Amino acid sequence: MKKYKVGIIGATGMVGQRFATLLENHPWFEVVLLAASERSAGKVYSEAVKNSWKMSTPIPENMKDMVIYNAEADAPKIASMVDFVFCAVNMKKDDIKALEEKYACLECPVVSNNSAHRHTPDVPMLLPELNPEHAAIIEKQRKRLGTKRGFIAVKPNCSIQCYVPALFPLDKAGYKVKDVLVCTYQAISGAGKNFETWPEMIDNVIPFIGGEEEKSEKEPLKIWGKIEGDVIVDSARPNFTAQCIRVPVTDGHTGAVYVRFEEGKKPTKEECFKIWKEYKGEPQILALPSAPKQFLNYFTEDNQPQCKEKRDLENGMAVSIGRLREDTQFDYKFVSLAHNTMRGAAGGAVLMAELLAAKGYFD
């Protein structure tokens, strides 16, 4: 694989910082520039984040002295210097949509962590192990934008990645999922914060996360969807209902999941275990650099998976499942966990970029 030159747009935020640490020694991607808002533009990276660095590892040596570009004003120059960009900006939704389309129309592919384009019908929203075939819509998107190289691809919301990966393989194996009720218990890093910057979260639970329940109920339907003509059409099922709660945990989103299958198509518990253990997506088949070797991991102990113990499994890219048991109202209930800033955010976007690189979309 050739080495691609990449930029990080929104490099000063928490997800941008996570991108920086993940890409420091990446075998395929070389960070050649960083960009952020006008407020940070012109500063060296170490100065811009000196009071806001939230990662447990130091600022990457090869980035600390990079001068930050203005993500909006310098877009033409940035686009000319890179093969593609990762985007994780903190802006209004319409402004994000416009910025990402600007880069795409400058013939610079955009791998986005943002939610703005998740429901643009010809923008693939990829969870690489589940719906890699949706990347094919990129050619239709390029036709609409009038580009040869430029396009936008997005990753799903962090919270759905703790439970959709457990459900999708069961459905793919022929056990069609009908109804899902999920309650997510979400870490504070999902809000871009830690306990130092959000002391109100200590010894507290907040039963509301703006927009999260709507994303949790709608986004899985695009993952389940199909390409029809020039767009991805959402699936009509499963039916999802969600409650999303902020809890005093640094990293790791946990889902308490209840699932009902279509009549007469309920798998046994042993079949569920077998499907989860044997499931491999394209990232595993292609041995992509960030792909977990074992994507789905079931733990038999009654008190697992726990955030502290399992969120970093396979560099935070694996999904942990436990407590599968029959339910009085649904067919089954279980608990699942994923690292929200790794699998759920920057790590998932890097894996998506690896998949797109392997398929030749950056060439």
Protein backbone atom coordinates (compact mmCIF):
# COMPACT_ATOMS: atom_id res chain seq x y z
CA MET A 1 0.00 0.00 0.00
CA LYS A 2 1.34 3.42 -0.95
CA LYS A 3 1.69 6.11 1.71
CA TYR A 4 -1.12 8.67 1.54
CA LYS A 5 -0.67 12.29 2.63
CA VAL A 6 -3.52 13.31 4.93
CA GLY A 7 -4.73 16.32 6.85
CA ILE A 8 -6.77 16.55 10.05
CA ILE A 9 -9.50 19.20 9.92
CA GLY A 10 -10.59 20.09 13.45
CA ALA A 11 -7.29 18.91 14.93
CA THR A 12 -7.59 20.79 18.23
CA GLY A 13 -10.81 19.10 19.48
CA MET A 14 -10.97 15.80 21.36
CA VAL A 15 -11.68 13.68 18.29
CA GLY A 16 -9.07 15.61 16.32
CA GLN A 17 -6.55 14.88 19.07
CA ARG A 18 -7.48 11.21 18.92
CA PHE A 19 -6.92 11.26 15.16
CA ALA A 20 -3.47 12.75 15.78
CA THR A 21 -2.44 9.99 18.20
CA LEU A 22 -3.83 7.19 16.01
CA LEU A 23 -2.11 8.46 12.89
CA GLU A 24 1.27 9.20 14.50
CA ASN A 25 2.83 5.95 13.25
CA HIS A 26 0.20 4.74 10.80
CA PRO A 27 1.66 2.45 8.11
CA TRP A 28 -0.50 3.87 5.28
CA PHE A 29 -1.32 7.46 6.28
CA GLU A 30 1.12 10.32 6.89
CA VAL A 31 -0.22 13.49 8.54
CA VAL A 32 1.26 16.45 6.64
CA LEU A 33 -0.97 19.24 7.93
CA LEU A 34 -3.40 20.20 10.67
CA ALA A 35 -6.28 22.66 10.40
CA ALA A 36 -8.77 24.19 12.81
CA SER A 37 -10.82 27.34 13.30
CA GLU A 38 -9.64 30.88 12.73
CA ARG A 39 -8.99 31.10 16.48
CA SER A 40 -6.23 28.49 16.32
CA ALA A 41 -4.91 29.22 12.82
CA GLY A 42 -1.31 30.40 12.74
CA LYS A 43 -0.38 28.79 16.07
CA VAL A 44 1.82 25.71 16.33
CA TYR A 45 -0.15 22.66 17.39
CA SER A 46 1.50 22.27 20.80
CA GLU A 47 0.62 25.86 21.66
CA ALA A 48 -2.96 25.58 20.43
CA VAL A 49 -3.72 22.51 22.58
CA LYS A 50 -1.41 23.09 25.55
CA ASN A 51 -4.32 23.80 27.91
CA SER A 52 -6.79 21.41 26.30
CA TRP A 53 -4.87 18.21 25.48
CA LYS A 54 -7.13 15.38 26.65
CA MET A 55 -5.24 12.28 25.46
CA SER A 56 -3.32 10.03 27.88
CA THR A 57 -0.35 9.99 25.49
CA PRO A 58 1.76 13.07 24.61
CA ILE A 59 1.26 15.26 21.57
CA PRO A 60 2.85 13.40 18.62
CA GLU A 61 6.41 14.60 18.06
CA ASN A 62 5.95 14.90 14.32
CA MET A 63 2.93 17.21 14.77
CA LYS A 64 3.71 19.36 17.81
CA ASP A 65 5.50 22.05 15.73
CA MET A 66 3.09 22.03 12.77
CA VAL A 67 1.53 25.43 12.12
CA ILE A 68 -2.26 25.15 12.05
CA TYR A 69 -4.10 26.14 8.88
CA ASN A 70 -7.46 27.89 8.76
CA ALA A 71 -9.87 25.08 7.86
CA GLU A 72 -12.19 27.36 5.87
CA ALA A 73 -10.01 30.12 4.40
CA ASP A 74 -7.11 27.80 3.52
CA ALA A 75 -9.24 25.03 2.03
CA PRO A 76 -7.89 25.36 -1.55
CA LYS A 77 -4.29 25.21 -0.33
CA ILE A 78 -5.02 22.30 2.03
CA ALA A 79 -6.78 20.35 -0.73
CA SER A 80 -3.74 20.74 -2.98
CA MET A 81 -1.36 19.33 -0.34
CA VAL A 82 -3.10 16.09 0.66
CA ASP A 83 -4.63 12.92 -0.78
CA PHE A 84 -7.60 13.21 1.60
CA VAL A 85 -8.63 14.71 4.94
CA PHE A 86 -10.15 13.48 8.18
CA CYS A 87 -12.79 15.94 9.42
CA ALA A 88 -13.90 16.40 13.03
CA VAL A 89 -14.97 20.03 13.36
CA ASN A 90 -17.19 21.67 15.95
CA MET A 91 -19.51 23.88 13.89
CA LYS A 92 -23.19 24.28 13.10
CA LYS A 93 -24.57 21.44 11.01
CA ASP A 94 -25.19 23.53 7.89
CA ASP A 95 -21.68 25.00 8.12
CA ILE A 96 -20.18 21.49 8.39
CA LYS A 97 -22.15 20.33 5.34
CA ALA A 98 -20.91 23.30 3.36
CA LEU A 99 -17.29 22.88 4.49
CA GLU A 100 -17.17 19.17 3.67
CA GLU A 101 -18.75 19.71 0.25
CA LYS A 102 -16.23 22.51 -0.37
CA TYR A 103 -13.33 20.11 0.16
CA ALA A 104 -14.99 17.40 -1.93
CA CYS A 105 -15.53 19.87 -4.79
CA LEU A 106 -11.85 20.83 -4.50
CA GLU A 107 -11.18 17.17 -5.41
CA CYS A 108 -10.17 16.32 -1.83
CA PRO A 109 -11.96 13.25 -0.39
CA VAL A 110 -13.38 13.78 3.11
CA VAL A 111 -13.54 11.04 5.76
CA SER A 112 -15.86 12.59 8.30
CA ASN A 113 -16.52 12.01 11.97
CA ASN A 114 -19.33 14.58 11.86
CA SER A 115 -23.07 13.90 11.68
CA ALA A 116 -23.98 16.56 9.09
CA HIS A 117 -23.93 14.29 6.02
CA ARG A 118 -25.03 11.02 7.62
CA HIS A 119 -28.41 11.23 5.97
CA THR A 120 -27.34 12.71 2.65
CA PRO A 121 -28.67 9.90 0.41
CA ASP A 122 -25.54 9.45 -1.73
CA VAL A 123 -23.03 9.73 1.14
CA PRO A 124 -22.00 6.31 2.48
CA MET A 125 -22.19 5.93 6.25
CA LEU A 126 -19.84 3.04 6.82
CA LEU A 127 -19.40 0.71 9.74
CA PRO A 128 -16.70 -1.21 7.84
CA GLU A 129 -17.44 -4.73 9.08
CA LEU A 130 -21.15 -4.40 8.35
CA ASN A 131 -21.91 -2.43 5.16
CA PRO A 132 -18.72 -2.01 3.08
CA GLU A 133 -20.76 -2.42 -0.11
CA HIS A 134 -22.24 1.05 0.47
CA ALA A 135 -18.91 2.55 -0.65
CA ALA A 136 -20.10 1.89 -4.23
CA ILE A 137 -22.44 4.92 -3.95
CA ILE A 138 -19.36 7.18 -4.08
CA GLU A 139 -19.38 7.07 -7.88
CA LYS A 140 -22.96 8.39 -7.89
CA GLN A 141 -22.02 11.11 -5.40
CA ARG A 142 -19.08 12.17 -7.57
CA LYS A 143 -21.43 12.47 -10.53
CA ARG A 144 -23.73 14.76 -8.53
CA LEU A 145 -20.84 16.90 -7.27
CA GLY A 146 -19.12 16.97 -10.65
CA THR A 147 -15.86 15.63 -9.21
CA LYS A 148 -13.33 13.04 -10.32
CA ARG A 149 -11.67 12.32 -6.93
CA GLY A 150 -13.62 14.30 -4.36
CA PHE A 151 -16.32 12.74 -2.20
CA ILE A 152 -17.59 12.55 1.38
CA ALA A 153 -17.84 9.39 3.47
CA VAL A 154 -19.02 9.42 7.08
CA LYS A 155 -18.94 7.12 10.08
CA PRO A 156 -22.04 6.41 12.19
CA ASN A 157 -22.79 7.84 15.60
CA CYS A 158 -20.59 6.49 18.39
CA SER A 159 -23.46 5.10 20.47
CA ILE A 160 -24.92 2.80 17.78
CA GLN A 161 -21.54 1.11 17.44
CA CYS A 162 -21.87 -0.54 20.83
CA TYR A 163 -25.01 -2.50 19.85
CA VAL A 164 -25.63 -2.55 16.09
CA PRO A 165 -22.51 -4.73 15.49
CA ALA A 166 -24.03 -7.39 17.74
CA LEU A 167 -27.42 -7.35 15.99
CA PHE A 168 -26.43 -7.05 12.32
CA PRO A 169 -24.60 -10.42 12.04
CA LEU A 170 -27.60 -12.25 13.54
CA ASP A 171 -29.83 -10.63 10.93
CA LYS A 172 -27.35 -11.41 8.14
CA ALA A 173 -27.32 -15.06 9.25
CA GLY A 174 -31.05 -15.26 8.51
CA TYR A 175 -32.52 -14.43 11.93
CA LYS A 176 -34.33 -11.27 10.88
CA VAL A 177 -34.40 -8.64 13.62
CA LYS A 178 -37.86 -7.12 14.04
CA ASP A 179 -37.83 -4.90 17.15
CA VAL A 180 -35.03 -3.45 19.25
CA LEU A 181 -35.22 -1.54 22.51
CA VAL A 182 -31.90 -0.13 23.70
CA CYS A 183 -30.76 1.99 26.60
CA THR A 184 -27.26 3.39 26.19
CA TYR A 185 -25.02 4.46 29.06
CA GLN A 186 -22.60 6.90 27.49
CA ALA A 187 -19.18 8.12 28.61
CA ILE A 188 -18.39 11.80 29.09
CA SER A 189 -15.71 11.77 26.38
CA GLY A 190 -18.64 11.47 23.97
CA ALA A 191 -19.37 15.09 24.85
CA GLY A 192 -15.71 16.01 24.27
CA LYS A 193 -15.10 16.39 27.99
CA ASN A 194 -13.33 14.84 30.95
CA PHE A 195 -13.95 15.12 34.69
CA GLU A 196 -11.66 18.15 34.99
CA THR A 197 -13.69 20.12 32.47
CA TRP A 198 -17.07 18.68 33.55
CA PRO A 199 -17.04 18.29 37.35
CA GLU A 200 -20.85 18.26 37.38
CA MET A 201 -20.69 14.70 36.05
CA ILE A 202 -18.89 13.36 39.12
CA ASP A 203 -21.34 11.23 41.13
CA ASN A 204 -24.08 12.05 38.64
CA VAL A 205 -26.25 10.66 35.85
CA ILE A 206 -27.90 12.89 33.24
CA PRO A 207 -30.87 11.23 31.51
CA PHE A 208 -30.69 13.30 28.32
CA ILE A 209 -28.18 13.72 25.49
CA GLY A 210 -29.38 16.14 22.83
CA GLY A 211 -30.19 14.46 19.51
CA GLU A 212 -28.74 11.12 20.58
CA GLU A 213 -31.95 9.13 20.77
CA GLU A 214 -33.03 10.24 17.32
CA LYS A 215 -29.63 9.17 15.89
CA SER A 216 -29.81 5.85 17.74
CA GLU A 217 -33.18 5.05 16.24
CA LYS A 218 -32.61 6.31 12.67
CA GLU A 219 -28.97 5.65 11.77
CA PRO A 220 -29.14 1.83 12.02
CA LEU A 221 -31.74 1.86 9.24
CA LYS A 222 -29.18 3.36 6.85
CA ILE A 223 -26.65 0.69 7.87
CA TRP A 224 -29.33 -1.92 7.03
CA GLY A 225 -30.26 -0.04 3.85
CA LYS A 226 -29.59 -0.81 0.17
CA ILE A 227 -28.24 1.12 -2.79
CA GLU A 228 -31.08 1.77 -5.21
CA GLY A 229 -30.16 3.82 -8.27
CA ASP A 230 -28.34 6.97 -7.19
CA VAL A 231 -29.06 6.77 -3.44
CA ILE A 232 -28.94 4.60 -0.34
CA VAL A 233 -32.49 3.80 0.75
CA ASP A 234 -33.03 3.20 4.47
CA SER A 235 -34.38 -0.17 5.51
CA ALA A 236 -37.95 -0.32 6.84
CA ARG A 237 -36.79 -2.55 9.67
CA PRO A 238 -35.78 -3.23 12.40
CA ASN A 239 -37.87 -0.94 14.56
CA PHE A 240 -35.62 0.84 17.05
CA THR A 241 -36.53 2.71 20.21
CA ALA A 242 -33.81 4.19 22.42
CA GLN A 243 -33.02 6.02 25.63
CA CYS A 244 -29.56 7.59 25.96
CA ILE A 245 -28.08 8.44 29.34
CA ARG A 246 -24.82 10.19 30.25
CA VAL A 247 -22.95 8.39 33.04
CA PRO A 248 -19.76 9.19 35.01
CA VAL A 249 -17.41 7.06 32.90
CA THR A 250 -14.38 8.44 31.05
CA ASP A 251 -14.54 6.23 27.92
CA GLY A 252 -16.81 3.45 26.69
CA HIS A 253 -20.47 3.38 25.69
CA THR A 254 -22.56 0.48 27.04
CA GLY A 255 -25.88 -0.65 25.60
CA ALA A 256 -28.59 -2.64 27.36
CA VAL A 257 -30.31 -4.28 24.40
CA TYR A 258 -33.64 -6.07 24.02
CA VAL A 259 -34.32 -7.79 20.70
CA ARG A 260 -37.30 -9.49 19.07
CA PHE A 261 -36.94 -11.54 15.88
CA GLU A 262 -39.47 -12.16 13.16
CA GLU A 263 -41.92 -14.93 13.98
CA GLY A 264 -40.38 -18.38 13.91
CA LYS A 265 -36.83 -17.19 13.25
CA LYS A 266 -35.35 -16.91 16.71
CA PRO A 267 -31.78 -18.27 17.02
CA THR A 268 -30.76 -20.38 19.97
CA LYS A 269 -28.26 -18.91 22.41
CA GLU A 270 -25.63 -21.30 21.09
CA GLU A 271 -26.30 -20.10 17.54
CA CYS A 272 -25.85 -16.48 18.70
CA PHE A 273 -22.51 -17.33 20.31
CA LYS A 274 -21.36 -19.12 17.15
CA ILE A 275 -22.40 -16.29 14.82
CA TRP A 276 -20.64 -13.67 16.94
CA LYS A 277 -17.46 -15.71 17.24
CA GLU A 278 -17.21 -16.56 13.55
CA TYR A 279 -18.30 -13.23 12.09
CA LYS A 280 -15.69 -11.48 9.96
CA GLY A 281 -16.11 -8.39 7.84
CA GLU A 282 -13.97 -7.03 5.03
CA PRO A 283 -11.55 -5.36 7.48
CA GLN A 284 -10.68 -8.78 8.93
CA ILE A 285 -10.54 -10.48 5.52
CA LEU A 286 -8.29 -7.72 4.14
CA ALA A 287 -6.26 -7.55 7.41
CA LEU A 288 -6.55 -3.76 7.51
CA PRO A 289 -4.06 -2.13 9.93
CA SER A 290 -6.67 -0.93 12.45
CA ALA A 291 -9.00 -3.92 12.21
CA PRO A 292 -9.50 -6.05 15.31
CA LYS A 293 -8.66 -9.69 14.66
CA GLN A 294 -11.74 -10.72 16.67
CA PHE A 295 -14.46 -8.15 15.99
CA LEU A 296 -17.17 -9.48 18.34
CA ASN A 297 -16.24 -10.96 21.72
CA TYR A 298 -18.71 -12.70 24.03
CA PHE A 299 -17.90 -12.96 27.75
CA THR A 300 -19.63 -15.57 29.88
CA GLU A 301 -19.08 -13.94 33.30
CA ASP A 302 -22.22 -12.36 34.77
CA ASN A 303 -20.41 -9.09 35.52
CA GLN A 304 -18.98 -8.53 32.01
CA PRO A 305 -18.38 -6.55 29.88
CA GLN A 306 -17.15 -3.76 32.14
CA CYS A 307 -15.89 -0.46 30.69
CA LYS A 308 -12.63 -0.39 32.62
CA GLU A 309 -11.69 -3.92 31.63
CA LYS A 310 -12.98 -4.30 28.07
CA ARG A 311 -13.10 -0.88 26.34
CA ASP A 312 -9.46 -1.10 25.20
CA LEU A 313 -9.82 -4.62 23.78
CA GLU A 314 -7.88 -4.86 20.47
CA ASN A 315 -6.75 -1.22 20.77
CA GLY A 316 -10.33 -0.14 21.46
CA MET A 317 -11.59 -1.46 18.11
CA ALA A 318 -13.36 -4.64 19.27
CA VAL A 319 -16.95 -4.92 20.53
CA SER A 320 -17.66 -6.76 23.79
CA ILE A 321 -20.93 -8.58 24.49
CA GLY A 322 -22.28 -10.34 27.57
CA ARG A 323 -25.32 -11.43 29.61
CA LEU A 324 -27.32 -12.92 26.72
CA ARG A 325 -30.50 -14.35 28.20
CA GLU A 326 -34.16 -14.84 27.38
CA ASP A 327 -36.58 -12.04 28.22
CA THR A 328 -40.22 -12.00 29.32
CA GLN A 329 -41.28 -9.40 26.69
CA PHE A 330 -38.65 -9.75 23.95
CA ASP A 331 -36.82 -12.83 22.66
CA TYR A 332 -33.46 -11.94 24.21
CA LYS A 333 -31.66 -9.26 26.15
CA PHE A 334 -27.93 -8.65 26.38
CA VAL A 335 -25.31 -6.01 27.17
CA SER A 336 -22.68 -4.74 24.74
CA LEU A 337 -19.81 -2.27 24.92
CA ALA A 338 -17.55 -0.30 22.56
CA HIS A 339 -14.88 2.36 23.07
CA ASN A 340 -16.64 5.51 21.92
CA THR A 341 -13.64 7.59 20.81
CA MET A 342 -11.83 4.63 19.25
CA ARG A 343 -14.31 2.26 17.54
CA GLY A 344 -17.06 4.88 17.84
CA ALA A 345 -15.19 7.92 16.54
CA ALA A 346 -11.63 8.46 15.32
CA GLY A 347 -10.62 4.78 15.23
CA GLY A 348 -13.73 3.87 13.26
CA ALA A 349 -13.02 6.68 10.79
CA VAL A 350 -9.40 5.54 10.35
CA LEU A 351 -10.62 1.98 9.71
CA MET A 352 -13.11 3.34 7.18
CA ALA A 353 -10.30 5.25 5.45
CA GLU A 354 -8.23 2.07 5.33
CA LEU A 355 -11.12 0.24 3.68
CA LEU A 356 -11.56 3.05 1.12
CA ALA A 357 -7.80 3.08 0.45
CA ALA A 358 -7.77 -0.68 -0.08
CA LYS A 359 -10.61 -0.29 -2.59
CA GLY A 360 -8.77 2.47 -4.48
CA TYR A 361 -11.06 5.41 -3.72
CA PHE A 362 -8.17 7.78 -2.91
CA ASP A 363 -6.21 7.03 -6.09
